[in-house]
Amino acid sequence: MAVDAALIELLVCPDCHGEVEYKDRRHLIICTQCGLHYPVRDDIPVMLVEEATRPAPRGSGRNAGA
């Protein structure tokens, strides 16, 4: 079971109020504006800034500059 598409349309990022999109395979809701990643647990979006993660900038991983 996945998060209902109608629910995703109603949600906004609680940090910047940007639109969000659901990444089903990754179980994440991602803000299209600020990039915060919100977890989805048991098909329930956890839209709390305290639970969100910000991905590392591209090129900053272990192989950056290699």
N, C-alpha and C. Protein backbone atom coordinates (compact mmCIF):
# COMPACT_ATOMS: atom_id res chain seq x y z
N MET A 1 0.85 -1.19 0.00
CA MET A 1 0.00 0.00 0.00
C MET A 1 0.88 1.24 0.00
N ALA A 2 0.45 2.28 -0.67
CA ALA A 2 1.24 3.50 -0.80
C ALA A 2 0.45 4.68 -0.24
N VAL A 3 1.12 5.79 -0.16
CA VAL A 3 0.47 7.03 0.29
C VAL A 3 -0.49 7.49 -0.81
N ASP A 4 -1.68 7.87 -0.43
CA ASP A 4 -2.71 8.30 -1.36
C ASP A 4 -2.26 9.57 -2.10
N ALA A 5 -2.39 9.56 -3.42
CA ALA A 5 -1.98 10.70 -4.24
C ALA A 5 -2.75 11.97 -3.88
N ALA A 6 -4.01 11.83 -3.49
CA ALA A 6 -4.81 13.00 -3.10
C ALA A 6 -4.23 13.64 -1.85
N LEU A 7 -3.69 12.83 -0.95
CA LEU A 7 -3.07 13.38 0.26
C LEU A 7 -1.80 14.15 -0.10
N ILE A 8 -0.99 13.60 -0.98
CA ILE A 8 0.25 14.27 -1.39
C ILE A 8 -0.05 15.65 -1.97
N GLU A 9 -1.13 15.75 -2.73
CA GLU A 9 -1.50 17.05 -3.32
C GLU A 9 -1.84 18.08 -2.26
N LEU A 10 -2.29 17.65 -1.09
CA LEU A 10 -2.66 18.57 -0.01
C LEU A 10 -1.47 18.98 0.85
N LEU A 11 -0.43 18.15 0.87
CA LEU A 11 0.71 18.41 1.76
C LEU A 11 1.63 19.48 1.21
N VAL A 12 2.25 20.21 2.12
CA VAL A 12 3.32 21.14 1.77
C VAL A 12 4.44 20.94 2.79
N CYS A 13 5.62 21.37 2.44
CA CYS A 13 6.75 21.28 3.34
C CYS A 13 6.50 22.18 4.55
N PRO A 14 6.60 21.65 5.75
CA PRO A 14 6.37 22.49 6.93
C PRO A 14 7.48 23.51 7.17
N ASP A 15 8.62 23.34 6.50
CA ASP A 15 9.73 24.27 6.69
C ASP A 15 9.62 25.48 5.77
N CYS A 16 9.42 25.23 4.46
CA CYS A 16 9.41 26.35 3.50
C CYS A 16 8.08 26.53 2.78
N HIS A 17 7.13 25.63 3.03
CA HIS A 17 5.80 25.64 2.41
C HIS A 17 5.83 25.33 0.92
N GLY A 18 6.91 24.69 0.47
CA GLY A 18 7.02 24.29 -0.94
C GLY A 18 6.21 23.03 -1.22
N GLU A 19 6.01 22.76 -2.50
CA GLU A 19 5.31 21.55 -2.92
C GLU A 19 6.18 20.33 -2.63
N VAL A 20 5.53 19.19 -2.43
CA VAL A 20 6.25 17.96 -2.16
C VAL A 20 5.86 16.89 -3.17
N GLU A 21 6.75 15.91 -3.33
CA GLU A 21 6.44 14.76 -4.17
C GLU A 21 6.82 13.49 -3.42
N TYR A 22 6.10 12.43 -3.74
CA TYR A 22 6.29 11.15 -3.05
C TYR A 22 7.17 10.24 -3.89
N LYS A 23 8.20 9.70 -3.27
CA LYS A 23 9.09 8.72 -3.90
C LYS A 23 8.78 7.36 -3.27
N ASP A 24 7.92 6.60 -3.91
CA ASP A 24 7.40 5.35 -3.35
C ASP A 24 8.50 4.35 -3.03
N ARG A 25 9.41 4.13 -3.94
CA ARG A 25 10.47 3.13 -3.73
C ARG A 25 11.40 3.50 -2.58
N ARG A 26 11.55 4.77 -2.33
CA ARG A 26 12.46 5.23 -1.27
C ARG A 26 11.72 5.52 0.03
N HIS A 27 10.40 5.44 0.01
CA HIS A 27 9.57 5.73 1.19
C HIS A 27 9.88 7.12 1.74
N LEU A 28 9.90 8.09 0.81
CA LEU A 28 10.21 9.47 1.18
C LEU A 28 9.23 10.43 0.53
N ILE A 29 9.01 11.54 1.20
CA ILE A 29 8.36 12.69 0.61
C ILE A 29 9.42 13.76 0.54
N ILE A 30 9.61 14.31 -0.65
CA ILE A 30 10.70 15.25 -0.88
C ILE A 30 10.13 16.61 -1.26
N CYS A 31 10.62 17.65 -0.59
CA CYS A 31 10.22 19.02 -0.93
C CYS A 31 10.93 19.43 -2.21
N THR A 32 10.16 19.89 -3.19
CA THR A 32 10.75 20.29 -4.46
C THR A 32 11.43 21.65 -4.37
N GLN A 33 11.19 22.38 -3.29
CA GLN A 33 11.78 23.71 -3.14
C GLN A 33 13.06 23.69 -2.31
N CYS A 34 13.00 23.18 -1.08
CA CYS A 34 14.18 23.22 -0.20
C CYS A 34 14.94 21.90 -0.15
N GLY A 35 14.33 20.82 -0.65
CA GLY A 35 15.02 19.55 -0.74
C GLY A 35 14.97 18.67 0.49
N LEU A 36 14.26 19.08 1.54
CA LEU A 36 14.17 18.22 2.72
C LEU A 36 13.47 16.91 2.37
N HIS A 37 13.93 15.83 3.00
CA HIS A 37 13.34 14.50 2.81
C HIS A 37 12.59 14.13 4.08
N TYR A 38 11.30 13.84 3.92
CA TYR A 38 10.47 13.45 5.05
C TYR A 38 10.19 11.95 4.95
N PRO A 39 10.35 11.21 6.04
CA PRO A 39 10.13 9.77 5.98
C PRO A 39 8.64 9.42 5.90
N VAL A 40 8.38 8.24 5.34
CA VAL A 40 7.04 7.67 5.33
C VAL A 40 7.13 6.37 6.11
N ARG A 41 6.38 6.28 7.19
CA ARG A 41 6.42 5.09 8.04
C ARG A 41 5.03 4.46 8.08
N ASP A 42 4.95 3.19 7.73
CA ASP A 42 3.66 2.47 7.69
C ASP A 42 2.64 3.23 6.85
N ASP A 43 3.11 3.75 5.71
CA ASP A 43 2.28 4.49 4.75
C ASP A 43 1.74 5.80 5.32
N ILE A 44 2.38 6.33 6.35
CA ILE A 44 1.98 7.61 6.95
C ILE A 44 3.13 8.58 6.82
N PRO A 45 2.93 9.71 6.11
CA PRO A 45 3.98 10.71 6.00
C PRO A 45 4.28 11.35 7.36
N VAL A 46 5.54 11.43 7.71
CA VAL A 46 5.96 12.08 8.95
C VAL A 46 6.48 13.47 8.56
N MET A 47 5.57 14.43 8.56
CA MET A 47 5.88 15.77 8.09
C MET A 47 6.33 16.67 9.23
N LEU A 48 7.39 16.26 9.90
CA LEU A 48 7.98 17.03 10.98
C LEU A 48 9.40 17.42 10.58
N VAL A 49 9.72 18.69 10.70
CA VAL A 49 11.06 19.17 10.34
C VAL A 49 12.11 18.43 11.15
N GLU A 50 11.79 18.11 12.40
CA GLU A 50 12.75 17.41 13.26
C GLU A 50 13.06 16.00 12.76
N GLU A 51 12.17 15.41 11.99
CA GLU A 51 12.36 14.06 11.44
C GLU A 51 12.93 14.09 10.03
N ALA A 52 12.97 15.25 9.42
CA ALA A 52 13.43 15.38 8.04
C ALA A 52 14.95 15.31 7.96
N THR A 53 15.43 14.92 6.79
CA THR A 53 16.86 14.92 6.52
C THR A 53 17.11 15.75 5.27
N ARG A 54 18.31 16.29 5.21
CA ARG A 54 18.70 17.05 4.01
C ARG A 54 19.82 16.26 3.35
N PRO A 55 19.63 15.87 2.11
CA PRO A 55 20.68 15.09 1.45
C PRO A 55 21.96 15.89 1.28
N ALA A 56 23.07 15.19 1.28
CA ALA A 56 24.37 15.84 1.05
C ALA A 56 24.40 16.40 -0.36
N PRO A 57 25.06 17.54 -0.56
CA PRO A 57 25.17 18.09 -1.91
C PRO A 57 25.87 17.09 -2.83
N ARG A 58 25.48 17.11 -4.09
CA ARG A 58 26.11 16.21 -5.06
C ARG A 58 27.60 16.51 -5.12
N GLY A 59 28.37 15.45 -5.22
CA GLY A 59 29.81 15.62 -5.29
C GLY A 59 30.49 15.67 -3.94
N SER A 60 29.71 15.47 -2.86
CA SER A 60 30.33 15.52 -1.54
C SER A 60 30.45 14.13 -0.91
N GLY A 61 30.17 13.10 -1.68
CA GLY A 61 30.25 11.73 -1.17
C GLY A 61 31.67 11.23 -1.09
N ARG A 62 31.81 9.93 -0.82
CA ARG A 62 33.14 9.34 -0.63
C ARG A 62 34.01 9.46 -1.88
N ASN A 63 33.41 9.44 -3.05
CA ASN A 63 34.20 9.47 -4.28
C ASN A 63 34.30 10.87 -4.88
N ALA A 64 33.95 11.88 -4.13
CA ALA A 64 34.01 13.25 -4.65
C ALA A 64 35.44 13.62 -5.00
N GLY A 65 35.58 14.18 -6.16
CA GLY A 65 36.89 14.64 -6.60
C GLY A 65 37.80 13.53 -7.08
N ALA A 66 37.29 12.32 -7.17
CA ALA A 66 38.13 11.18 -7.61
C ALA A 66 38.25 11.14 -9.10
